[in-house]
Amino acid sequence: MSTINEYLHHQVDLISNGVRTGTAVVAAGVATGTVVYFLSILVGSWN
């Protein structure tokens, strides 16, 4: 019984770590996209 509980706890840890990583990746992607978007507007306004 203890091995099953340990396995489940391990899976929960992996999932929560994966969610955190995914959220960080998405946030970084959105931030990068926003910066690129504003830079393109600035460059466009110069021309």
N, C-alpha and C. Protein backbone atom coordinates (compact mmCIF):
# COMPACT_ATOMS: atom_id res chain seq x y z
N MET A 1 0.84 -1.20 0.00
CA MET A 1 0.00 0.00 0.00
C MET A 1 0.88 1.26 0.00
N SER A 2 1.96 1.22 0.75
CA SER A 2 2.82 2.40 0.84
C SER A 2 3.48 2.70 -0.50
N THR A 3 3.81 1.63 -1.25
CA THR A 3 4.47 1.86 -2.55
C THR A 3 3.51 2.55 -3.51
N ILE A 4 2.22 2.20 -3.46
CA ILE A 4 1.23 2.84 -4.33
C ILE A 4 1.11 4.32 -3.96
N ASN A 5 1.06 4.60 -2.66
CA ASN A 5 0.95 5.99 -2.21
C ASN A 5 2.17 6.79 -2.65
N GLU A 6 3.36 6.18 -2.50
CA GLU A 6 4.58 6.87 -2.92
C GLU A 6 4.55 7.15 -4.42
N TYR A 7 4.07 6.16 -5.18
CA TYR A 7 3.99 6.32 -6.63
C TYR A 7 3.05 7.47 -6.98
N LEU A 8 1.88 7.51 -6.32
CA LEU A 8 0.91 8.56 -6.60
C LEU A 8 1.47 9.93 -6.24
N HIS A 9 2.14 10.01 -5.09
CA HIS A 9 2.74 11.29 -4.68
C HIS A 9 3.78 11.74 -5.71
N HIS A 10 4.55 10.76 -6.21
CA HIS A 10 5.57 11.08 -7.20
C HIS A 10 4.91 11.61 -8.48
N GLN A 11 3.83 10.98 -8.91
CA GLN A 11 3.12 11.42 -10.11
C GLN A 11 2.57 12.84 -9.92
N VAL A 12 2.01 13.11 -8.74
CA VAL A 12 1.47 14.45 -8.47
C VAL A 12 2.58 15.48 -8.53
N ASP A 13 3.76 15.13 -7.97
CA ASP A 13 4.90 16.05 -8.02
C ASP A 13 5.30 16.32 -9.46
N LEU A 14 5.37 15.26 -10.26
CA LEU A 14 5.77 15.42 -11.67
C LEU A 14 4.77 16.31 -12.40
N ILE A 15 3.48 16.07 -12.17
CA ILE A 15 2.43 16.84 -12.86
C ILE A 15 2.50 18.31 -12.46
N SER A 16 2.63 18.58 -11.14
CA SER A 16 2.67 19.97 -10.68
C SER A 16 3.93 20.67 -11.20
N ASN A 17 5.05 19.93 -11.25
CA ASN A 17 6.27 20.52 -11.82
C ASN A 17 6.07 20.80 -13.30
N GLY A 18 5.42 19.88 -14.01
CA GLY A 18 5.16 20.08 -15.43
C GLY A 18 4.26 21.28 -15.68
N VAL A 19 3.24 21.44 -14.83
CA VAL A 19 2.33 22.58 -14.98
C VAL A 19 3.08 23.88 -14.75
N ARG A 20 3.95 23.87 -13.71
CA ARG A 20 4.73 25.08 -13.42
C ARG A 20 5.64 25.41 -14.60
N THR A 21 6.30 24.40 -15.12
CA THR A 21 7.21 24.61 -16.25
C THR A 21 6.43 25.12 -17.46
N GLY A 22 5.29 24.50 -17.74
CA GLY A 22 4.47 24.91 -18.87
C GLY A 22 4.00 26.34 -18.73
N THR A 23 3.59 26.71 -17.52
CA THR A 23 3.14 28.08 -17.27
C THR A 23 4.27 29.06 -17.50
N ALA A 24 5.47 28.71 -17.01
CA ALA A 24 6.63 29.59 -17.18
C ALA A 24 6.96 29.76 -18.66
N VAL A 25 6.89 28.65 -19.41
CA VAL A 25 7.20 28.69 -20.85
C VAL A 25 6.18 29.57 -21.57
N VAL A 26 4.90 29.40 -21.24
CA VAL A 26 3.85 30.20 -21.88
C VAL A 26 4.03 31.68 -21.54
N ALA A 27 4.31 31.97 -20.27
CA ALA A 27 4.51 33.36 -19.84
C ALA A 27 5.69 33.98 -20.58
N ALA A 28 6.78 33.22 -20.70
CA ALA A 28 7.96 33.73 -21.41
C ALA A 28 7.62 33.97 -22.88
N GLY A 29 6.86 33.06 -23.47
CA GLY A 29 6.48 33.20 -24.87
C GLY A 29 5.61 34.43 -25.08
N VAL A 30 4.66 34.65 -24.19
CA VAL A 30 3.78 35.82 -24.30
C VAL A 30 4.59 37.10 -24.13
N ALA A 31 5.50 37.11 -23.15
CA ALA A 31 6.33 38.29 -22.92
C ALA A 31 7.19 38.59 -24.14
N THR A 32 7.81 37.56 -24.70
CA THR A 32 8.65 37.74 -25.88
C THR A 32 7.81 38.24 -27.06
N GLY A 33 6.65 37.63 -27.25
CA GLY A 33 5.77 38.04 -28.33
C GLY A 33 5.34 39.49 -28.19
N THR A 34 5.04 39.90 -26.97
CA THR A 34 4.62 41.28 -26.72
C THR A 34 5.75 42.25 -27.05
N VAL A 35 6.97 41.92 -26.60
CA VAL A 35 8.12 42.78 -26.87
C VAL A 35 8.37 42.89 -28.37
N VAL A 36 8.33 41.75 -29.06
CA VAL A 36 8.55 41.76 -30.51
C VAL A 36 7.47 42.58 -31.21
N TYR A 37 6.23 42.44 -30.73
CA TYR A 37 5.10 43.17 -31.32
C TYR A 37 5.31 44.69 -31.19
N PHE A 38 5.66 45.13 -29.97
CA PHE A 38 5.87 46.56 -29.76
C PHE A 38 7.08 47.07 -30.53
N LEU A 39 8.14 46.25 -30.60
CA LEU A 39 9.32 46.65 -31.36
C LEU A 39 8.96 46.83 -32.83
N SER A 40 8.14 45.92 -33.36
CA SER A 40 7.76 46.02 -34.78
C SER A 40 6.93 47.28 -35.01
N ILE A 41 6.10 47.65 -34.03
CA ILE A 41 5.30 48.88 -34.16
C ILE A 41 6.24 50.10 -34.16
N LEU A 42 7.22 50.09 -33.26
CA LEU A 42 8.17 51.20 -33.18
C LEU A 42 8.95 51.33 -34.48
N VAL A 43 9.47 50.21 -34.96
CA VAL A 43 10.23 50.22 -36.21
C VAL A 43 9.34 50.68 -37.36
N GLY A 44 8.09 50.23 -37.37
CA GLY A 44 7.16 50.62 -38.42
C GLY A 44 6.87 52.12 -38.38
N SER A 45 6.81 52.70 -37.19
CA SER A 45 6.51 54.12 -37.08
C SER A 45 7.71 54.97 -37.50
N TRP A 46 8.91 54.41 -37.44
CA TRP A 46 10.10 55.15 -37.88
C TRP A 46 10.14 55.27 -39.40
N ASN A 47 9.63 54.26 -40.08
CA ASN A 47 9.73 54.24 -41.55
C ASN A 47 8.67 55.15 -42.18
